[in-house]
């Protein structure tokens, strides 16, 4: 379970980070 959670969290965090950065950049611009 910990392995699956870590994998899911990592993937989700990476995706969210990329999307967040793009959104933040667009909003700031």
Protein backbone atom coordinates (compact mmCIF):
# COMPACT_ATOMS: atom_id res chain seq x y z
CA UNK A 1 0.00 0.00 0.00
CA UNK A 2 2.75 2.50 0.89
CA UNK A 3 4.44 1.79 -2.43
CA UNK A 4 1.25 2.39 -4.41
CA UNK A 5 0.47 5.56 -2.45
CA UNK A 6 3.97 6.88 -3.00
CA UNK A 7 3.77 6.14 -6.72
CA UNK A 8 0.34 7.75 -7.04
CA UNK A 9 1.34 10.76 -4.95
CA UNK A 10 4.53 11.25 -6.97
CA UNK A 11 2.72 11.07 -10.30
CA UNK A 12 -0.09 13.33 -9.10
CA UNK A 13 2.32 15.79 -7.55
CA UNK A 14 4.40 15.91 -10.74
CA UNK A 15 1.32 16.47 -12.89
CA UNK A 16 -0.12 19.06 -10.53
CA UNK A 17 3.20 20.85 -10.30
CA UNK A 18 3.54 21.07 -14.06
CA UNK A 19 -0.05 22.26 -14.47
CA UNK A 20 0.25 24.65 -11.53
CA UNK A 21 3.42 26.19 -12.92
CA UNK A 22 1.83 26.66 -16.34
CA UNK A 23 -1.32 28.16 -14.82
CA UNK A 24 0.63 30.40 -12.46
CA UNK A 25 2.86 31.62 -15.28
CA UNK A 26 -0.12 32.40 -17.50
CA UNK A 27 -1.93 34.20 -14.68
CA UNK A 28 1.16 36.21 -13.73
CA UNK A 29 1.73 37.19 -17.36
